[in-house]
């Protein structure tokens, strides 16, 4: 056997061994977490498990200790009387939420991008190409959870998947899911709202993506893509194996690139959230967006459409609305409409798909968001302790 063949076979075995070790480590971590929560539940009951989850969401992810630290520092600088007023509370809200969201955003985007480096577009296309039907649509939606993109950033990748010959169900499931739901958003949602609402948001976002993609595919309207997209070059290239250093550099670049894109929206979102939280009376908010108002979901959905922000920019606003007693369904509708149906994104998407498909896409997603809003407003009692 030639020396090069022996070396190649040795490299393959080495890579398989590394993957096996990584899988064992990951499985062990998951196992320890599950066993720990189970043991806690058996010893202290559900309240003990809930206490652990609340500690994780409040102190580790929510960084409530940071809010207390900032409050103490500002009291020593500005005085107790100023910090007890509306302006003092607004400044503390703004500083705390900005630091928390940007810190978690950078950390999570780095981790997600490092993982994503193992799945470049070429490999992703090959993986998705193996699935058919609703299972393929589900895989497309799940792919959106590990892509830290805003809707404008996900459209070029949608075009690449379309030119690669993937079904419209897969590509539109991805297009809906990508800006709507990602792992970074899940963690930040947990830090703000706790586990139940965060998990619900992700689950309903994935369901909306799969159903929306399936409807677009089954009705045949998904074929109305502009010719230059479907006829785009699809060049198969060898996937280079990156070193850990390369992956870390890639993750760092993606983190900085994402931060440069979203930091203005985070500041605007936190500013609006601070205004709602401290200056707008709760009665005013309840009069328009109260969960007892049948039109609150529709207003929240259509108010969100003209805005342009990603999920990270909407979270501070949603946090303030939640504190003012707005229903969970209304908040979900607002967040989803901003991230999935922003006007700039629809203008960009119109360059890639024909008007019939664009109208169908907007109608399907809007209807889904409104239905989700009403359902979860009806179930609001499950999320309010």
Protein backbone atom coordinates (compact mmCIF):
# COMPACT_ATOMS: atom_id res chain seq x y z
CA UNK A 1 0.00 0.00 0.00
CA UNK A 2 1.33 3.43 -0.96
CA UNK A 3 2.51 5.75 1.80
CA UNK A 4 -0.05 8.42 0.82
CA UNK A 5 -2.90 5.90 1.10
CA UNK A 6 -1.69 4.82 4.55
CA UNK A 7 -1.53 8.47 5.64
CA UNK A 8 -5.04 9.15 4.28
CA UNK A 9 -6.48 6.12 6.05
CA UNK A 10 -4.74 7.17 9.26
CA UNK A 11 -6.23 10.69 9.00
CA UNK A 12 -9.72 9.29 8.47
CA UNK A 13 -9.39 7.08 11.55
CA UNK A 14 -8.08 10.03 13.55
CA UNK A 15 -10.99 12.24 12.51
CA UNK A 16 -13.51 9.52 13.37
CA UNK A 17 -11.89 9.09 16.76
CA UNK A 18 -12.05 12.85 17.45
CA UNK A 19 -15.72 12.98 16.47
CA UNK A 20 -16.42 9.98 18.71
CA UNK A 21 -14.69 11.68 21.65
CA UNK A 22 -16.62 14.93 21.09
CA UNK A 23 -19.90 13.00 20.96
CA UNK A 24 -19.03 11.22 24.23
CA UNK A 25 -18.21 14.54 25.93
CA UNK A 26 -21.44 16.17 24.70
CA UNK A 27 -23.53 13.15 25.73
CA UNK A 28 -21.87 13.11 29.15
CA UNK A 29 -22.68 16.80 29.75
CA UNK A 30 -26.33 16.27 28.77
CA UNK A 31 -26.49 13.15 30.94
CA UNK A 32 -25.09 14.98 33.98
CA UNK A 33 -27.60 17.83 33.56
CA UNK A 34 -30.55 15.44 33.21
CA UNK A 35 -29.43 13.31 36.18
CA UNK A 36 -28.84 16.44 38.29
CA UNK A 37 -32.32 17.83 37.59
CA UNK A 38 -33.90 14.40 38.15
CA UNK A 39 -32.11 13.97 41.47
CA UNK A 40 -33.16 17.48 42.51
CA UNK A 41 -36.76 16.66 41.63
CA UNK A 42 -36.73 13.37 43.54
CA UNK A 43 -35.24 14.97 46.64
CA UNK A 44 -36.96 18.35 46.73
CA UNK A 45 -39.89 17.95 44.35
CA UNK A 46 -40.93 20.20 41.46
CA UNK A 47 -40.43 23.35 43.51
CA UNK A 48 -36.74 22.49 43.92
CA UNK A 49 -36.34 21.96 40.15
CA UNK A 50 -38.19 25.21 39.52
CA UNK A 51 -35.87 26.97 41.96
CA UNK A 52 -32.80 25.71 40.07
CA UNK A 53 -34.24 26.79 36.71
CA UNK A 54 -35.20 30.19 38.12
CA UNK A 55 -31.66 30.64 39.48
CA UNK A 56 -30.22 29.82 36.04
CA UNK A 57 -32.62 32.18 34.22
CA UNK A 58 -32.39 35.02 36.77
CA UNK A 59 -28.79 35.03 38.03
CA UNK A 60 -26.72 33.23 35.38
CA UNK A 61 -28.48 34.14 32.14
CA UNK A 62 -30.55 37.08 33.41
CA UNK A 63 -27.57 38.55 35.29
CA UNK A 64 -29.85 40.11 37.92
CA UNK A 65 -26.78 40.50 40.11
CA UNK A 66 -25.47 42.96 37.51
CA UNK A 67 -28.65 45.02 37.80
CA UNK A 68 -28.18 45.21 41.57
CA UNK A 69 -24.52 46.14 41.11
CA UNK A 70 -25.37 48.91 38.64
CA UNK A 71 -28.14 50.17 40.92
CA UNK A 72 -25.78 50.38 43.90
CA UNK A 73 -23.13 52.17 41.83
CA UNK A 74 -25.65 54.70 40.47
CA UNK A 75 -27.07 55.36 43.93
CA UNK A 76 -23.59 56.27 45.15
CA UNK A 77 -23.11 58.57 42.13
CA UNK A 78 -26.54 60.20 41.65
CA UNK A 79 -28.13 59.68 45.06
CA UNK A 80 -31.10 57.65 46.27
CA UNK A 81 -33.74 60.24 45.40
CA UNK A 82 -32.72 60.52 41.74
CA UNK A 83 -32.52 56.74 41.27
CA UNK A 84 -35.97 56.32 42.81
CA UNK A 85 -37.45 58.59 40.13
CA UNK A 86 -38.45 57.76 36.56
CA UNK A 87 -35.24 59.06 34.99
CA UNK A 88 -33.04 57.13 37.40
CA UNK A 89 -34.93 53.89 36.79
CA UNK A 90 -34.86 54.46 33.02
CA UNK A 91 -31.09 55.01 33.02
CA UNK A 92 -30.52 51.90 35.11
CA UNK A 93 -32.80 49.85 32.81
CA UNK A 94 -30.97 51.13 29.73
CA UNK A 95 -27.45 50.45 31.03
CA UNK A 96 -28.29 47.05 32.52
CA UNK A 97 -30.21 45.70 29.51
CA UNK A 98 -27.62 47.01 27.02
CA UNK A 99 -24.69 45.38 28.82
CA UNK A 100 -26.58 42.13 29.40
CA UNK A 101 -27.84 41.71 25.84
CA UNK A 102 -24.57 42.67 24.15
CA UNK A 103 -22.53 40.39 26.44
CA UNK A 104 -24.82 37.41 25.91
CA UNK A 105 -25.10 38.18 22.19
CA UNK A 106 -21.31 38.17 21.69
CA UNK A 107 -20.80 35.02 23.76
CA UNK A 108 -23.60 33.09 22.08
CA UNK A 109 -22.84 34.20 18.52
CA UNK A 110 -19.22 33.13 19.03
CA UNK A 111 -20.27 29.68 20.28
CA UNK A 112 -22.95 29.22 17.60
CA UNK A 113 -20.62 30.38 14.82
CA UNK A 114 -17.90 28.00 16.03
CA UNK A 115 -20.38 25.13 15.79
CA UNK A 116 -21.65 26.44 12.47
CA UNK A 117 -18.12 26.31 11.04
CA UNK A 118 -18.55 22.55 10.87
CA UNK A 119 -21.53 23.02 8.54
CA UNK A 120 -20.64 25.39 5.67
CA UNK A 121 -23.29 25.98 2.96
CA UNK A 122 -21.92 23.17 0.74
CA UNK A 123 -22.20 20.59 3.50
CA UNK A 124 -25.58 21.96 4.60
CA UNK A 125 -26.95 21.56 1.08
CA UNK A 126 -25.77 17.95 1.02
CA UNK A 127 -27.41 17.23 4.39
CA UNK A 128 -30.73 18.85 3.51
CA UNK A 129 -30.77 17.13 0.12
CA UNK A 130 -31.08 13.74 1.85
CA UNK A 131 -34.52 14.54 3.32
CA UNK A 132 -37.92 14.66 1.65
CA UNK A 133 -41.38 15.98 2.48
CA UNK A 134 -42.29 17.52 5.82
CA UNK A 135 -39.18 15.99 7.40
CA UNK A 136 -37.04 18.06 5.03
CA UNK A 137 -39.05 21.17 5.92
CA UNK A 138 -38.47 20.47 9.61
CA UNK A 139 -34.73 20.15 8.95
CA UNK A 140 -34.80 23.47 7.08
CA UNK A 141 -36.54 25.14 10.02
CA UNK A 142 -34.09 23.61 12.50
CA UNK A 143 -31.21 24.87 10.38
CA UNK A 144 -32.57 28.37 10.96
CA UNK A 145 -32.02 27.97 14.71
CA UNK A 146 -28.23 27.77 14.30
CA UNK A 147 -27.92 30.67 11.88
CA UNK A 148 -27.51 33.97 13.77
CA UNK A 149 -28.89 36.08 10.94
CA UNK A 150 -31.35 38.90 10.61
CA UNK A 151 -33.92 38.42 7.86
CA UNK A 152 -31.95 40.49 5.32
CA UNK A 153 -28.87 38.33 5.91
CA UNK A 154 -30.74 35.05 5.51
CA UNK A 155 -32.18 35.94 2.08
CA UNK A 156 -28.89 35.39 0.17
CA UNK A 157 -28.55 31.95 1.78
CA UNK A 158 -32.17 31.23 0.85
CA UNK A 159 -31.28 32.08 -2.76
CA UNK A 160 -28.26 29.77 -2.60
CA UNK A 161 -30.38 26.88 -1.35
CA UNK A 162 -32.95 27.54 -4.09
CA UNK A 163 -30.31 27.58 -6.83
CA UNK A 164 -28.97 24.29 -5.40
CA UNK A 165 -32.30 22.66 -6.23
CA UNK A 166 -33.70 22.28 -2.71
CA UNK A 167 -37.50 22.25 -2.52
CA UNK A 168 -39.46 25.42 -1.83
CA UNK A 169 -40.76 23.82 1.38
CA UNK A 170 -37.23 23.52 2.75
CA UNK A 171 -36.05 26.94 1.61
CA UNK A 172 -39.09 28.82 2.93
CA UNK A 173 -39.10 26.90 6.21
CA UNK A 174 -35.52 28.09 6.59
CA UNK A 175 -36.37 31.64 5.50
CA UNK A 176 -39.14 31.93 8.11
CA UNK A 177 -37.17 30.27 10.91
CA UNK A 178 -33.78 31.91 10.41
CA UNK A 179 -34.58 35.47 11.56
CA UNK A 180 -37.36 34.32 13.88
CA UNK A 181 -35.69 31.70 16.04
CA UNK A 182 -32.08 30.95 16.91
CA UNK A 183 -30.26 29.47 19.87
CA UNK A 184 -28.83 32.84 20.88
CA UNK A 185 -32.32 34.32 21.02
CA UNK A 186 -33.48 31.35 23.11
CA UNK A 187 -30.83 32.00 25.75
CA UNK A 188 -31.54 35.74 25.91
CA UNK A 189 -35.30 35.08 26.03
CA UNK A 190 -34.70 32.75 28.98
CA UNK A 191 -32.68 35.48 30.68
CA UNK A 192 -35.57 37.94 30.33
CA UNK A 193 -38.79 35.89 30.52
CA UNK A 194 -37.71 32.57 32.03
CA UNK A 195 -37.83 29.07 30.54
CA UNK A 196 -41.58 28.61 29.79
CA UNK A 197 -42.11 31.66 27.55
CA UNK A 198 -38.70 31.28 25.86
CA UNK A 199 -39.31 27.63 24.97
CA UNK A 200 -42.84 28.41 23.78
CA UNK A 201 -41.52 31.17 21.50
CA UNK A 202 -39.00 28.82 19.88
CA UNK A 203 -41.46 25.93 19.50
CA UNK A 204 -44.23 28.02 17.93
CA UNK A 205 -41.66 29.72 15.69
CA UNK A 206 -40.49 26.35 14.38
CA UNK A 207 -44.07 25.13 13.90
CA UNK A 208 -44.93 28.31 11.98
CA UNK A 209 -41.83 27.84 9.79
CA UNK A 210 -42.63 24.19 8.98
CA UNK A 211 -46.33 24.81 8.31
CA UNK A 212 -45.60 27.94 6.25
CA UNK A 213 -42.99 26.14 4.15
CA UNK A 214 -45.28 23.14 3.66
CA UNK A 215 -48.22 25.30 2.49
CA UNK A 216 -46.01 27.19 0.04
CA UNK A 217 -44.69 23.92 -1.38
CA UNK A 218 -47.97 21.97 -1.54
CA UNK A 219 -49.95 24.79 -3.16
CA UNK A 220 -47.30 25.11 -5.87
CA UNK A 221 -46.92 28.83 -5.27
CA UNK A 222 -43.29 28.23 -4.28
CA UNK A 223 -42.37 27.88 -7.94
CA UNK A 224 -42.74 31.63 -8.46
CA UNK A 225 -39.07 32.37 -7.94
CA UNK A 226 -37.29 34.71 -10.33
CA UNK A 227 -35.31 33.01 -13.09
CA UNK A 228 -31.89 34.38 -12.14
CA UNK A 229 -32.22 32.60 -8.75
CA UNK A 230 -33.18 29.18 -10.10
CA UNK A 231 -30.62 29.42 -12.89
CA UNK A 232 -27.81 30.53 -10.61
CA UNK A 233 -24.55 28.64 -10.78
CA UNK A 234 -24.29 25.78 -8.31
CA UNK A 235 -20.64 24.87 -8.12
CA UNK A 236 -19.63 21.84 -6.06
CA UNK A 237 -16.46 22.54 -4.18
CA UNK A 238 -14.32 20.49 -1.85
CA UNK A 239 -14.92 21.33 1.78
CA UNK A 240 -11.65 22.27 3.42
CA UNK A 241 -11.04 20.95 6.92
CA UNK A 242 -10.48 23.84 9.27
CA UNK A 243 -8.24 23.82 12.30
CA UNK A 244 -9.52 24.86 15.73
CA UNK A 245 -7.70 28.16 15.33
CA UNK A 246 -9.40 28.73 11.96
CA UNK A 247 -12.80 27.99 13.51
CA UNK A 248 -12.12 30.35 16.42
CA UNK A 249 -11.11 33.13 14.00
CA UNK A 250 -14.22 32.48 11.91
CA UNK A 251 -16.40 32.62 15.05
CA UNK A 252 -14.73 35.86 16.15
CA UNK A 253 -15.29 37.44 12.73
CA UNK A 254 -18.94 36.39 12.69
CA UNK A 255 -19.40 37.70 16.23
CA UNK A 256 -17.95 41.12 15.35
CA UNK A 257 -19.82 41.24 12.04
CA UNK A 258 -23.13 40.46 13.75
CA UNK A 259 -22.46 42.95 16.55
CA UNK A 260 -21.74 45.73 14.01
CA UNK A 261 -25.08 44.99 12.32
CA UNK A 262 -27.30 44.75 15.37
CA UNK A 263 -25.89 47.10 18.02
CA UNK A 264 -27.89 50.15 16.77
CA UNK A 265 -31.11 48.12 16.94
CA UNK A 266 -30.24 46.90 20.43
CA UNK A 267 -29.73 50.48 21.63
CA UNK A 268 -32.97 51.64 19.99
CA UNK A 269 -34.84 48.64 21.37
CA UNK A 270 -33.50 49.16 24.89
CA UNK A 271 -34.30 52.88 24.65
CA UNK A 272 -37.91 52.16 23.62
CA UNK A 273 -38.13 49.52 26.34
CA UNK A 274 -36.85 51.96 28.97
CA UNK A 275 -39.41 54.56 27.82
CA UNK A 276 -42.31 52.10 27.96
CA UNK A 277 -41.10 50.67 31.26
CA UNK A 278 -40.72 53.98 33.10
CA UNK A 279 -42.61 56.80 31.35
CA UNK A 280 -45.74 55.36 29.74
CA UNK A 281 -48.52 54.62 32.27
CA UNK A 282 -49.67 51.01 32.46
CA UNK A 283 -53.27 52.10 31.90
CA UNK A 284 -52.35 53.49 28.47
CA UNK A 285 -50.64 50.26 27.45
CA UNK A 286 -53.54 48.16 28.74
CA UNK A 287 -56.05 50.33 26.86
CA UNK A 288 -54.43 49.45 23.53
CA UNK A 289 -52.64 46.14 24.04
CA UNK A 290 -54.39 44.62 27.07
CA UNK A 291 -55.04 40.90 26.74
CA UNK A 292 -58.78 41.56 27.10
CA UNK A 293 -58.74 43.67 23.91
CA UNK A 294 -59.62 41.52 20.89
CA UNK A 295 -57.66 43.79 18.55
CA UNK A 296 -54.40 43.83 20.53
CA UNK A 297 -52.82 40.97 18.57
CA UNK A 298 -53.70 42.54 15.21
CA UNK A 299 -52.30 45.93 16.27
CA UNK A 300 -49.09 44.36 17.60
CA UNK A 301 -48.62 42.38 14.38
CA UNK A 302 -49.10 45.29 11.99
CA UNK A 303 -47.14 47.75 14.13
CA UNK A 304 -44.17 45.38 13.97
CA UNK A 305 -44.08 45.00 10.18
CA UNK A 306 -42.68 48.47 9.24
CA UNK A 307 -39.91 48.15 11.81
CA UNK A 308 -36.52 46.70 10.98
CA UNK A 309 -34.73 44.88 13.75
CA UNK A 310 -33.63 41.40 14.66
CA UNK A 311 -34.81 39.37 17.63
CA UNK A 312 -32.22 40.98 19.91
CA UNK A 313 -33.60 44.45 19.25
CA UNK A 314 -37.19 43.42 20.00
CA UNK A 315 -36.50 41.69 23.32
CA UNK A 316 -36.13 44.89 25.44
CA UNK A 317 -39.41 46.23 24.04
CA UNK A 318 -41.13 42.90 24.70
CA UNK A 319 -39.70 42.87 28.23
CA UNK A 320 -41.19 46.30 28.96
CA UNK A 321 -44.58 45.33 27.49
CA UNK A 322 -44.61 42.14 29.58
CA UNK A 323 -43.90 44.18 32.73
CA UNK A 324 -46.90 46.38 31.86
CA UNK A 325 -49.22 43.36 31.76
CA UNK A 326 -49.49 42.87 27.98
CA UNK A 327 -50.54 39.32 27.08
CA UNK A 328 -47.95 36.73 26.07
CA UNK A 329 -49.68 36.16 22.72
CA UNK A 330 -49.61 39.87 21.88
CA UNK A 331 -45.90 40.03 22.72
CA UNK A 332 -45.14 36.95 20.61
CA UNK A 333 -47.03 38.46 17.67
CA UNK A 334 -45.11 41.72 17.92
CA UNK A 335 -41.70 40.01 18.10
CA UNK A 336 -42.47 37.64 15.24
CA UNK A 337 -43.82 40.32 12.91
CA UNK A 338 -40.76 42.55 13.45
CA UNK A 339 -38.27 39.75 12.81
CA UNK A 340 -40.04 37.80 10.05
CA UNK A 341 -41.92 40.48 8.10
CA UNK A 342 -39.93 43.70 8.35
CA UNK A 343 -40.51 46.04 5.40
CA UNK A 344 -36.83 46.27 4.31
CA UNK A 345 -36.60 42.48 4.24
CA UNK A 346 -39.75 42.17 2.13
CA UNK A 347 -38.35 44.72 -0.34
CA UNK A 348 -35.15 42.69 -0.65
CA UNK A 349 -37.11 39.43 -0.95
CA UNK A 350 -39.20 40.92 -3.76
CA UNK A 351 -36.04 41.02 -5.89
CA UNK A 352 -35.71 37.23 -5.60
CA UNK A 353 -39.32 36.04 -5.81
CA UNK A 354 -42.32 37.05 -7.92
CA UNK A 355 -45.23 39.13 -6.55
CA UNK A 356 -47.62 36.16 -6.28
CA UNK A 357 -45.20 34.26 -4.08
CA UNK A 358 -44.31 37.35 -2.04
CA UNK A 359 -47.98 38.09 -1.28
CA UNK A 360 -48.60 34.43 -0.41
CA UNK A 361 -45.55 34.37 1.88
CA UNK A 362 -46.63 37.53 3.73
CA UNK A 363 -50.25 36.33 4.02
CA UNK A 364 -49.31 32.88 5.34
CA UNK A 365 -46.81 34.18 7.89
CA UNK A 366 -49.11 37.02 9.02
CA UNK A 367 -52.05 34.64 9.49
CA UNK A 368 -49.85 32.24 11.43
CA UNK A 369 -48.54 35.01 13.69
CA UNK A 370 -52.06 36.28 14.44
CA UNK A 371 -53.35 32.78 15.21
CA UNK A 372 -50.39 32.17 17.53
CA UNK A 373 -51.12 35.48 19.27
CA UNK A 374 -54.77 34.69 19.98
CA UNK A 375 -54.05 31.12 21.11
CA UNK A 376 -51.38 32.17 23.59
CA UNK A 377 -53.40 35.10 24.89
CA UNK A 378 -56.12 32.56 25.68
CA UNK A 379 -53.49 30.47 27.50
CA UNK A 380 -51.91 33.49 29.19
CA UNK A 381 -52.80 32.15 32.67
CA UNK A 382 -50.26 29.36 32.18
CA UNK A 383 -47.37 31.84 32.01
CA UNK A 384 -48.37 34.32 34.71
CA UNK A 385 -47.63 33.14 38.22
